[in-house]
């Protein structure tokens, strides 16, 4: 990773903070514009180098996708049980309907053969990066770093940063140019098998955060409710009208119950 922009740790603590804490050097910058081709290329190059540090090949790449599906299934069950006061009938029905649609889509894709790759991941590429005044991108906040599925990280990054189809293709092309082994993987075809999980995960994480913000000593839940509404609106890109309508209705009902 020589030459890459990774903030250096300046302080580590495991006594004051129960779960430990690391303070990194300050980076002065703004969120990169990922409609800019040069930024897309730079991010693809950075991630390709991180992912090549230490990786392993998974012969049956489809098993990686099924593992993601079962993890989503487990998270939904946990959210519905733990936050039953927030998960109304419409939200729960939307979860069940989405799982069924996702499962049917995967069952219809069983003939797709792909290789999988496990590697070191950043862990949260939704917005943990900035671009400085010299047009260099820095990756921040490594607390969720883990070893896992390369495609899951790439698809999460592209989806949550709203890449257009053209820019997705540009990103994949640049990434594969710098990570030679991945050239045998059809990123465009495989990515949809991962994308269907993302809007559902977003609702799950949003409800989890919402529960924390219901504490009267913290901020109003309005911002979290707005985030959930945005996440719900994105379901229509990947799920049927009926399933998308259910989650939209459920979040609207949650909004009303918390704010009225």
C-alpha atoms as a PDB file:
ATOM      1  CA  UNK A   1       0.000   0.000   0.000  1.00  0.00           C
ATOM      2  CA  UNK A   2       2.984   2.277  -0.379  1.00  0.00           C
ATOM      3  CA  UNK A   3       1.912   5.681  -1.664  1.00  0.00           C
ATOM      4  CA  UNK A   4      -1.787   5.195  -0.911  1.00  0.00           C
ATOM      5  CA  UNK A   5      -3.739   7.694   1.158  1.00  0.00           C
ATOM      6  CA  UNK A   6      -4.497   6.089   4.507  1.00  0.00           C
ATOM      7  CA  UNK A   7      -4.602   8.364   7.605  1.00  0.00           C
ATOM      8  CA  UNK A   8      -1.986   7.441  10.204  1.00  0.00           C
ATOM      9  CA  UNK A   9      -3.142   6.556  13.748  1.00  0.00           C
ATOM     10  CA  UNK A  10      -1.975   9.103  16.322  1.00  0.00           C
ATOM     11  CA  UNK A  11      -3.548   7.735  19.519  1.00  0.00           C
ATOM     12  CA  UNK A  12      -4.938   4.409  20.704  1.00  0.00           C
ATOM     13  CA  UNK A  13      -6.978   3.827  23.850  1.00  0.00           C
ATOM     14  CA  UNK A  14      -8.463   0.691  25.386  1.00  0.00           C
ATOM     15  CA  UNK A  15      -9.146   1.941  28.914  1.00  0.00           C
ATOM     16  CA  UNK A  16     -11.332   5.053  28.642  1.00  0.00           C
ATOM     17  CA  UNK A  17     -13.484   3.547  25.879  1.00  0.00           C
ATOM     18  CA  UNK A  18     -14.776   0.012  26.700  1.00  0.00           C
ATOM     19  CA  UNK A  19     -14.521  -1.176  23.091  1.00  0.00           C
ATOM     20  CA  UNK A  20     -11.269   0.621  22.441  1.00  0.00           C
ATOM     21  CA  UNK A  21     -10.690   3.666  20.252  1.00  0.00           C
ATOM     22  CA  UNK A  22      -8.157   4.844  17.701  1.00  0.00           C
ATOM     23  CA  UNK A  23      -7.709   8.500  16.761  1.00  0.00           C
ATOM     24  CA  UNK A  24      -6.288   9.162  13.300  1.00  0.00           C
ATOM     25  CA  UNK A  25      -4.638  12.238  11.866  1.00  0.00           C
ATOM     26  CA  UNK A  26      -7.050  14.878  10.531  1.00  0.00           C
ATOM     27  CA  UNK A  27      -7.659  14.926   6.788  1.00  0.00           C
ATOM     28  CA  UNK A  28      -9.047  18.153   5.335  1.00  0.00           C
ATOM     29  CA  UNK A  29     -11.251  17.313   2.392  1.00  0.00           C
ATOM     30  CA  UNK A  30     -14.713  16.848   0.904  1.00  0.00           C
ATOM     31  CA  UNK A  31     -16.683  13.888  -0.390  1.00  0.00           C
ATOM     32  CA  UNK A  32     -15.438  12.867  -3.852  1.00  0.00           C
ATOM     33  CA  UNK A  33     -17.667  13.366  -6.872  1.00  0.00           C
ATOM     34  CA  UNK A  34     -18.092   9.881  -8.316  1.00  0.00           C
ATOM     35  CA  UNK A  35     -19.512  11.172 -11.571  1.00  0.00           C
ATOM     36  CA  UNK A  36     -15.958  12.368 -12.217  1.00  0.00           C
ATOM     37  CA  UNK A  37     -14.096   9.767 -14.294  1.00  0.00           C
ATOM     38  CA  UNK A  38     -10.721  10.485 -12.682  1.00  0.00           C
ATOM     39  CA  UNK A  39     -12.167   9.985  -9.189  1.00  0.00           C
ATOM     40  CA  UNK A  40     -13.758   6.713 -10.302  1.00  0.00           C
ATOM     41  CA  UNK A  41     -10.427   5.484 -11.665  1.00  0.00           C
ATOM     42  CA  UNK A  42      -8.537   6.533  -8.540  1.00  0.00           C
ATOM     43  CA  UNK A  43     -10.991   4.803  -6.190  1.00  0.00           C
ATOM     44  CA  UNK A  44     -10.923   1.637  -8.305  1.00  0.00           C
ATOM     45  CA  UNK A  45      -7.125   1.587  -8.179  1.00  0.00           C
ATOM     46  CA  UNK A  46      -7.023   2.142  -4.396  1.00  0.00           C
ATOM     47  CA  UNK A  47      -9.516  -0.642  -3.678  1.00  0.00           C
ATOM     48  CA  UNK A  48      -7.852  -3.054  -6.090  1.00  0.00           C
ATOM     49  CA  UNK A  49      -4.542  -2.604  -4.266  1.00  0.00           C
ATOM     50  CA  UNK A  50      -6.112  -3.067  -0.823  1.00  0.00           C
ATOM     51  CA  UNK A  51      -7.914  -6.205  -1.975  1.00  0.00           C
ATOM     52  CA  UNK A  52      -4.705  -7.726  -3.352  1.00  0.00           C
ATOM     53  CA  UNK A  53      -2.771  -7.502  -0.070  1.00  0.00           C
ATOM     54  CA  UNK A  54      -3.813 -10.997   0.997  1.00  0.00           C
ATOM     55  CA  UNK A  55      -6.631 -12.836  -0.752  1.00  0.00           C
ATOM     56  CA  UNK A  56      -7.907 -16.358  -1.252  1.00  0.00           C
ATOM     57  CA  UNK A  57      -9.822 -17.916  -4.138  1.00  0.00           C
ATOM     58  CA  UNK A  58     -13.211 -19.532  -3.512  1.00  0.00           C
ATOM     59  CA  UNK A  59     -13.874 -22.032  -6.301  1.00  0.00           C
ATOM     60  CA  UNK A  60     -17.646 -21.930  -5.837  1.00  0.00           C
ATOM     61  CA  UNK A  61     -18.336 -18.225  -5.909  1.00  0.00           C
ATOM     62  CA  UNK A  62     -22.087 -18.783  -5.823  1.00  0.00           C
ATOM     63  CA  UNK A  63     -21.715 -20.125  -2.288  1.00  0.00           C
ATOM     64  CA  UNK A  64     -20.565 -16.621  -1.318  1.00  0.00           C
ATOM     65  CA  UNK A  65     -23.812 -15.171  -2.641  1.00  0.00           C
ATOM     66  CA  UNK A  66     -25.929 -17.742  -0.802  1.00  0.00           C
ATOM     67  CA  UNK A  67     -24.017 -16.957   2.386  1.00  0.00           C
ATOM     68  CA  UNK A  68     -25.000 -13.308   1.940  1.00  0.00           C
ATOM     69  CA  UNK A  69     -28.656 -14.283   1.470  1.00  0.00           C
ATOM     70  CA  UNK A  70     -28.691 -16.372   4.646  1.00  0.00           C
ATOM     71  CA  UNK A  71     -26.983 -13.574   6.568  1.00  0.00           C
ATOM     72  CA  UNK A  72     -29.671 -11.147   5.395  1.00  0.00           C
ATOM     73  CA  UNK A  73     -32.333 -13.634   6.461  1.00  0.00           C
ATOM     74  CA  UNK A  74     -30.735 -13.864   9.915  1.00  0.00           C
ATOM     75  CA  UNK A  75     -30.481 -10.075  10.287  1.00  0.00           C
ATOM     76  CA  UNK A  76     -34.145  -9.606   9.366  1.00  0.00           C
ATOM     77  CA  UNK A  77     -35.196 -12.150  11.984  1.00  0.00           C
ATOM     78  CA  UNK A  78     -33.066 -10.387  14.584  1.00  0.00           C
ATOM     79  CA  UNK A  79     -34.420  -6.922  13.732  1.00  0.00           C
ATOM     80  CA  UNK A  80     -38.041  -8.101  13.787  1.00  0.00           C
ATOM     81  CA  UNK A  81     -37.560  -9.756  17.174  1.00  0.00           C
ATOM     82  CA  UNK A  82     -35.435  -7.106  18.864  1.00  0.00           C
ATOM     83  CA  UNK A  83     -37.381  -4.092  17.597  1.00  0.00           C
ATOM     84  CA  UNK A  84     -40.921  -5.414  17.416  1.00  0.00           C
ATOM     85  CA  UNK A  85     -42.133  -1.997  18.617  1.00  0.00           C
ATOM     86  CA  UNK A  86     -40.720  -0.432  15.429  1.00  0.00           C
ATOM     87  CA  UNK A  87     -41.244  -3.206  12.880  1.00  0.00           C
ATOM     88  CA  UNK A  88     -44.934  -2.841  12.054  1.00  0.00           C
ATOM     89  CA  UNK A  89     -46.958  -5.326  10.001  1.00  0.00           C
ATOM     90  CA  UNK A  90     -46.199  -3.569   6.697  1.00  0.00           C
ATOM     91  CA  UNK A  91     -42.433  -3.497   7.291  1.00  0.00           C
ATOM     92  CA  UNK A  92     -42.378  -7.146   8.343  1.00  0.00           C
ATOM     93  CA  UNK A  93     -44.447  -8.136   5.294  1.00  0.00           C
ATOM     94  CA  UNK A  94     -42.069  -6.169   3.068  1.00  0.00           C
ATOM     95  CA  UNK A  95     -39.089  -8.009   4.573  1.00  0.00           C
ATOM     96  CA  UNK A  96     -40.697 -11.407   3.957  1.00  0.00           C
ATOM     97  CA  UNK A  97     -41.719 -10.483   0.413  1.00  0.00           C
ATOM     98  CA  UNK A  98     -38.234  -9.164  -0.397  1.00  0.00           C
ATOM     99  CA  UNK A  99     -36.609 -12.343   0.909  1.00  0.00           C
ATOM    100  CA  UNK A 100     -38.901 -14.435  -1.272  1.00  0.00           C
ATOM    101  CA  UNK A 101     -38.166 -12.366  -4.391  1.00  0.00           C
ATOM    102  CA  UNK A 102     -34.438 -12.454  -3.687  1.00  0.00           C
ATOM    103  CA  UNK A 103     -34.551 -16.228  -3.162  1.00  0.00           C
ATOM    104  CA  UNK A 104     -36.444 -16.764  -6.419  1.00  0.00           C
ATOM    105  CA  UNK A 105     -33.938 -14.601  -8.277  1.00  0.00           C
ATOM    106  CA  UNK A 106     -31.023 -16.587  -6.849  1.00  0.00           C
ATOM    107  CA  UNK A 107     -32.713 -19.914  -7.630  1.00  0.00           C
ATOM    108  CA  UNK A 108     -33.078 -18.779 -11.229  1.00  0.00           C
ATOM    109  CA  UNK A 109     -29.388 -17.917 -11.369  1.00  0.00           C
ATOM    110  CA  UNK A 110     -27.976 -21.219 -10.101  1.00  0.00           C
ATOM    111  CA  UNK A 111     -26.531 -21.962 -13.541  1.00  0.00           C
ATOM    112  CA  UNK A 112     -24.145 -19.022 -13.254  1.00  0.00           C
ATOM    113  CA  UNK A 113     -20.655 -20.221 -12.451  1.00  0.00           C
ATOM    114  CA  UNK A 114     -18.311 -17.730 -10.878  1.00  0.00           C
ATOM    115  CA  UNK A 115     -15.163 -17.718  -8.816  1.00  0.00           C
ATOM    116  CA  UNK A 116     -15.284 -15.934  -5.472  1.00  0.00           C
ATOM    117  CA  UNK A 117     -12.582 -14.002  -3.652  1.00  0.00           C
ATOM    118  CA  UNK A 118     -12.159 -13.426   0.081  1.00  0.00           C
ATOM    119  CA  UNK A 119      -9.818 -10.631   1.070  1.00  0.00           C
ATOM    120  CA  UNK A 120      -9.160  -7.743   3.447  1.00  0.00           C
ATOM    121  CA  UNK A 121     -12.047  -5.259   3.299  1.00  0.00           C
ATOM    122  CA  UNK A 122     -12.509  -1.695   4.475  1.00  0.00           C
ATOM    123  CA  UNK A 123     -15.897  -2.737   5.827  1.00  0.00           C
ATOM    124  CA  UNK A 124     -17.979   0.410   5.283  1.00  0.00           C
ATOM    125  CA  UNK A 125     -17.550   2.213   1.989  1.00  0.00           C
ATOM    126  CA  UNK A 126     -20.833   4.107   2.126  1.00  0.00           C
ATOM    127  CA  UNK A 127     -19.155   7.469   2.731  1.00  0.00           C
ATOM    128  CA  UNK A 128     -15.930   6.953   4.668  1.00  0.00           C
ATOM    129  CA  UNK A 129     -13.599   8.735   2.271  1.00  0.00           C
ATOM    130  CA  UNK A 130     -12.632  12.305   1.362  1.00  0.00           C
ATOM    131  CA  UNK A 131     -10.751  13.977  -1.462  1.00  0.00           C
ATOM    132  CA  UNK A 132      -8.167  16.588  -0.496  1.00  0.00           C
ATOM    133  CA  UNK A 133      -7.099  19.813  -2.227  1.00  0.00           C
ATOM    134  CA  UNK A 134      -4.553  17.853  -4.260  1.00  0.00           C
ATOM    135  CA  UNK A 135      -7.298  15.614  -5.692  1.00  0.00           C
ATOM    136  CA  UNK A 136      -6.125  12.597  -3.676  1.00  0.00           C
ATOM    137  CA  UNK A 137      -8.727  10.280  -2.135  1.00  0.00           C
ATOM    138  CA  UNK A 138      -8.264   9.128   1.464  1.00  0.00           C
ATOM    139  CA  UNK A 139     -10.072   6.175   3.042  1.00  0.00           C
ATOM    140  CA  UNK A 140     -11.287   6.860   6.594  1.00  0.00           C
ATOM    141  CA  UNK A 141     -12.873   5.038   9.541  1.00  0.00           C
ATOM    142  CA  UNK A 142     -11.522   1.487   9.468  1.00  0.00           C
ATOM    143  CA  UNK A 143     -13.372   0.271  12.573  1.00  0.00           C
ATOM    144  CA  UNK A 144     -15.456  -2.214  10.537  1.00  0.00           C
ATOM    145  CA  UNK A 145     -12.505  -3.623   8.616  1.00  0.00           C
ATOM    146  CA  UNK A 146     -12.747  -7.384   8.167  1.00  0.00           C
ATOM    147  CA  UNK A 147     -11.781 -10.329   5.980  1.00  0.00           C
ATOM    148  CA  UNK A 148     -14.584 -11.269   3.627  1.00  0.00           C
ATOM    149  CA  UNK A 149     -16.223 -11.284   0.212  1.00  0.00           C
ATOM    150  CA  UNK A 150     -14.655  -8.856  -2.259  1.00  0.00           C
ATOM    151  CA  UNK A 151     -17.805  -8.573  -4.404  1.00  0.00           C
ATOM    152  CA  UNK A 152     -19.939  -7.692  -1.408  1.00  0.00           C
ATOM    153  CA  UNK A 153     -17.711  -4.693  -0.649  1.00  0.00           C
ATOM    154  CA  UNK A 154     -17.587  -3.480  -4.252  1.00  0.00           C
ATOM    155  CA  UNK A 155     -21.341  -3.773  -4.772  1.00  0.00           C
ATOM    156  CA  UNK A 156     -22.104  -2.017  -1.491  1.00  0.00           C
ATOM    157  CA  UNK A 157     -19.799   0.861  -2.475  1.00  0.00           C
ATOM    158  CA  UNK A 158     -21.307   1.266  -5.947  1.00  0.00           C
ATOM    159  CA  UNK A 159     -24.917   0.995  -4.787  1.00  0.00           C
ATOM    160  CA  UNK A 160     -24.728   3.306  -1.770  1.00  0.00           C
ATOM    161  CA  UNK A 161     -22.870   5.932  -3.811  1.00  0.00           C
ATOM    162  CA  UNK A 162     -25.474   5.767  -6.577  1.00  0.00           C
ATOM    163  CA  UNK A 163     -23.184   4.943  -9.499  1.00  0.00           C
ATOM    164  CA  UNK A 164     -24.879   5.136 -12.897  1.00  0.00           C
ATOM    165  CA  UNK A 165     -24.686   1.993 -15.109  1.00  0.00           C
ATOM    166  CA  UNK A 166     -22.005   3.680 -17.221  1.00  0.00           C
ATOM    167  CA  UNK A 167     -19.906   4.649 -14.210  1.00  0.00           C
ATOM    168  CA  UNK A 168     -20.295   1.177 -12.696  1.00  0.00           C
ATOM    169  CA  UNK A 169     -18.893  -0.281 -15.912  1.00  0.00           C
ATOM    170  CA  UNK A 170     -16.021   2.226 -15.865  1.00  0.00           C
ATOM    171  CA  UNK A 171     -15.240   1.377 -12.246  1.00  0.00           C
ATOM    172  CA  UNK A 172     -15.249  -2.385 -12.879  1.00  0.00           C
ATOM    173  CA  UNK A 173     -13.036  -2.005 -15.938  1.00  0.00           C
ATOM    174  CA  UNK A 174     -10.465   0.085 -14.076  1.00  0.00           C
ATOM    175  CA  UNK A 175     -10.535  -2.195 -11.030  1.00  0.00           C
ATOM    176  CA  UNK A 176      -9.953  -5.317 -13.123  1.00  0.00           C
ATOM    177  CA  UNK A 177      -7.112  -3.617 -14.977  1.00  0.00           C
ATOM    178  CA  UNK A 178      -5.228  -3.391 -11.670  1.00  0.00           C
ATOM    179  CA  UNK A 179      -6.370  -6.711 -10.151  1.00  0.00           C
ATOM    180  CA  UNK A 180      -5.569  -9.174 -12.913  1.00  0.00           C
ATOM    181  CA  UNK A 181      -7.146 -12.292 -11.393  1.00  0.00           C
ATOM    182  CA  UNK A 182     -10.600 -10.676 -11.253  1.00  0.00           C
ATOM    183  CA  UNK A 183     -10.685 -10.351 -15.043  1.00  0.00           C
ATOM    184  CA  UNK A 184     -12.165 -13.850 -15.221  1.00  0.00           C
ATOM    185  CA  UNK A 185     -15.198 -12.701 -13.180  1.00  0.00           C
ATOM    186  CA  UNK A 186     -18.176 -11.122 -14.950  1.00  0.00           C
ATOM    187  CA  UNK A 187     -18.674  -8.270 -12.496  1.00  0.00           C
ATOM    188  CA  UNK A 188     -21.655  -6.806 -14.353  1.00  0.00           C
ATOM    189  CA  UNK A 189     -23.596 -10.078 -14.281  1.00  0.00           C
ATOM    190  CA  UNK A 190     -22.660 -11.097 -10.746  1.00  0.00           C
ATOM    191  CA  UNK A 191     -23.196  -7.692  -9.138  1.00  0.00           C
ATOM    192  CA  UNK A 192     -26.995  -7.842  -9.432  1.00  0.00           C
ATOM    193  CA  UNK A 193     -27.003 -10.991  -7.293  1.00  0.00           C
ATOM    194  CA  UNK A 194     -25.449  -8.887  -4.542  1.00  0.00           C
ATOM    195  CA  UNK A 195     -27.303  -5.626  -5.180  1.00  0.00           C
ATOM    196  CA  UNK A 196     -30.685  -7.034  -4.148  1.00  0.00           C
ATOM    197  CA  UNK A 197     -29.512  -7.369  -0.555  1.00  0.00           C
ATOM    198  CA  UNK A 198     -28.394  -3.757  -0.141  1.00  0.00           C
ATOM    199  CA  UNK A 199     -31.692  -1.815   0.129  1.00  0.00           C
ATOM    200  CA  UNK A 200     -33.006  -4.399   2.606  1.00  0.00           C
ATOM    201  CA  UNK A 201     -29.843  -4.199   4.715  1.00  0.00           C
ATOM    202  CA  UNK A 202     -30.200  -0.404   4.674  1.00  0.00           C
ATOM    203  CA  UNK A 203     -33.656  -0.622   6.246  1.00  0.00           C
ATOM    204  CA  UNK A 204     -32.389  -3.093   8.860  1.00  0.00           C
ATOM    205  CA  UNK A 205     -29.435  -0.908   9.852  1.00  0.00           C
ATOM    206  CA  UNK A 206     -31.699   2.151   9.781  1.00  0.00           C
ATOM    207  CA  UNK A 207     -34.160   0.603  12.230  1.00  0.00           C
ATOM    208  CA  UNK A 208     -31.285  -0.467  14.471  1.00  0.00           C
ATOM    209  CA  UNK A 209     -30.007   3.125  14.566  1.00  0.00           C
ATOM    210  CA  UNK A 210     -33.539   4.452  14.979  1.00  0.00           C
ATOM    211  CA  UNK A 211     -33.935   2.483  18.199  1.00  0.00           C
ATOM    212  CA  UNK A 212     -30.904   4.256  19.655  1.00  0.00           C
ATOM    213  CA  UNK A 213     -32.185   7.684  18.673  1.00  0.00           C
ATOM    214  CA  UNK A 214     -35.511   7.144  20.408  1.00  0.00           C
ATOM    215  CA  UNK A 215     -33.691   7.907  23.646  1.00  0.00           C
ATOM    216  CA  UNK A 216     -35.084  11.337  24.645  1.00  0.00           C
ATOM    217  CA  UNK A 217     -31.611  12.544  25.540  1.00  0.00           C
ATOM    218  CA  UNK A 218     -30.420  12.111  21.964  1.00  0.00           C
ATOM    219  CA  UNK A 219     -31.442  13.860  18.747  1.00  0.00           C
ATOM    220  CA  UNK A 220     -34.965  13.745  17.344  1.00  0.00           C
ATOM    221  CA  UNK A 221     -35.729  10.672  15.196  1.00  0.00           C
ATOM    222  CA  UNK A 222     -36.673  12.920  12.257  1.00  0.00           C
ATOM    223  CA  UNK A 223     -33.316  12.586  10.481  1.00  0.00           C
ATOM    224  CA  UNK A 224     -33.282   8.800  10.850  1.00  0.00           C
ATOM    225  CA  UNK A 225     -36.864   8.603   9.604  1.00  0.00           C
ATOM    226  CA  UNK A 226     -35.886  10.638   6.551  1.00  0.00           C
ATOM    227  CA  UNK A 227     -32.977   8.260   5.916  1.00  0.00           C
ATOM    228  CA  UNK A 228     -35.362   5.302   6.152  1.00  0.00           C
ATOM    229  CA  UNK A 229     -37.746   6.958   3.690  1.00  0.00           C
ATOM    230  CA  UNK A 230     -34.898   7.401   1.196  1.00  0.00           C
ATOM    231  CA  UNK A 231     -33.844   3.763   1.649  1.00  0.00           C
ATOM    232  CA  UNK A 232     -37.440   2.625   1.138  1.00  0.00           C
ATOM    233  CA  UNK A 233     -37.753   4.608  -2.098  1.00  0.00           C
ATOM    234  CA  UNK A 234     -34.771   2.705  -3.514  1.00  0.00           C
ATOM    235  CA  UNK A 235     -36.524  -0.670  -3.274  1.00  0.00           C
ATOM    236  CA  UNK A 236     -38.375   0.010  -6.520  1.00  0.00           C
ATOM    237  CA  UNK A 237     -35.080  -0.254  -8.432  1.00  0.00           C
ATOM    238  CA  UNK A 238     -34.749  -3.954  -7.599  1.00  0.00           C
ATOM    239  CA  UNK A 239     -38.045  -5.256  -6.232  1.00  0.00           C
ATOM    240  CA  UNK A 240     -41.605  -5.573  -7.506  1.00  0.00           C
ATOM    241  CA  UNK A 241     -44.137  -2.787  -7.173  1.00  0.00           C
ATOM    242  CA  UNK A 242     -46.076  -4.646  -4.479  1.00  0.00           C
ATOM    243  CA  UNK A 243     -42.998  -5.280  -2.323  1.00  0.00           C
ATOM    244  CA  UNK A 244     -41.741  -1.720  -2.775  1.00  0.00           C
ATOM    245  CA  UNK A 245     -45.170  -0.343  -1.884  1.00  0.00           C
ATOM    246  CA  UNK A 246     -45.193  -2.391   1.325  1.00  0.00           C
ATOM    247  CA  UNK A 247     -41.915  -1.004   2.634  1.00  0.00           C
ATOM    248  CA  UNK A 248     -42.882   2.540   1.654  1.00  0.00           C
ATOM    249  CA  UNK A 249     -46.185   2.125   3.500  1.00  0.00           C
ATOM    250  CA  UNK A 250     -44.449   0.627   6.530  1.00  0.00           C
ATOM    251  CA  UNK A 251     -41.957   3.484   6.877  1.00  0.00           C
ATOM    252  CA  UNK A 252     -44.755   6.017   6.437  1.00  0.00           C
ATOM    253  CA  UNK A 253     -46.719   4.313   9.233  1.00  0.00           C
ATOM    254  CA  UNK A 254     -43.611   4.265  11.447  1.00  0.00           C
ATOM    255  CA  UNK A 255     -43.113   7.970  10.819  1.00  0.00           C
ATOM    256  CA  UNK A 256     -46.692   8.705  11.827  1.00  0.00           C
ATOM    257  CA  UNK A 257     -46.531   6.586  14.986  1.00  0.00           C
ATOM    258  CA  UNK A 258     -43.335   8.258  16.212  1.00  0.00           C
ATOM    259  CA  UNK A 259     -44.049  11.879  15.322  1.00  0.00           C
ATOM    260  CA  UNK A 260     -47.800  12.297  15.810  1.00  0.00           C
END
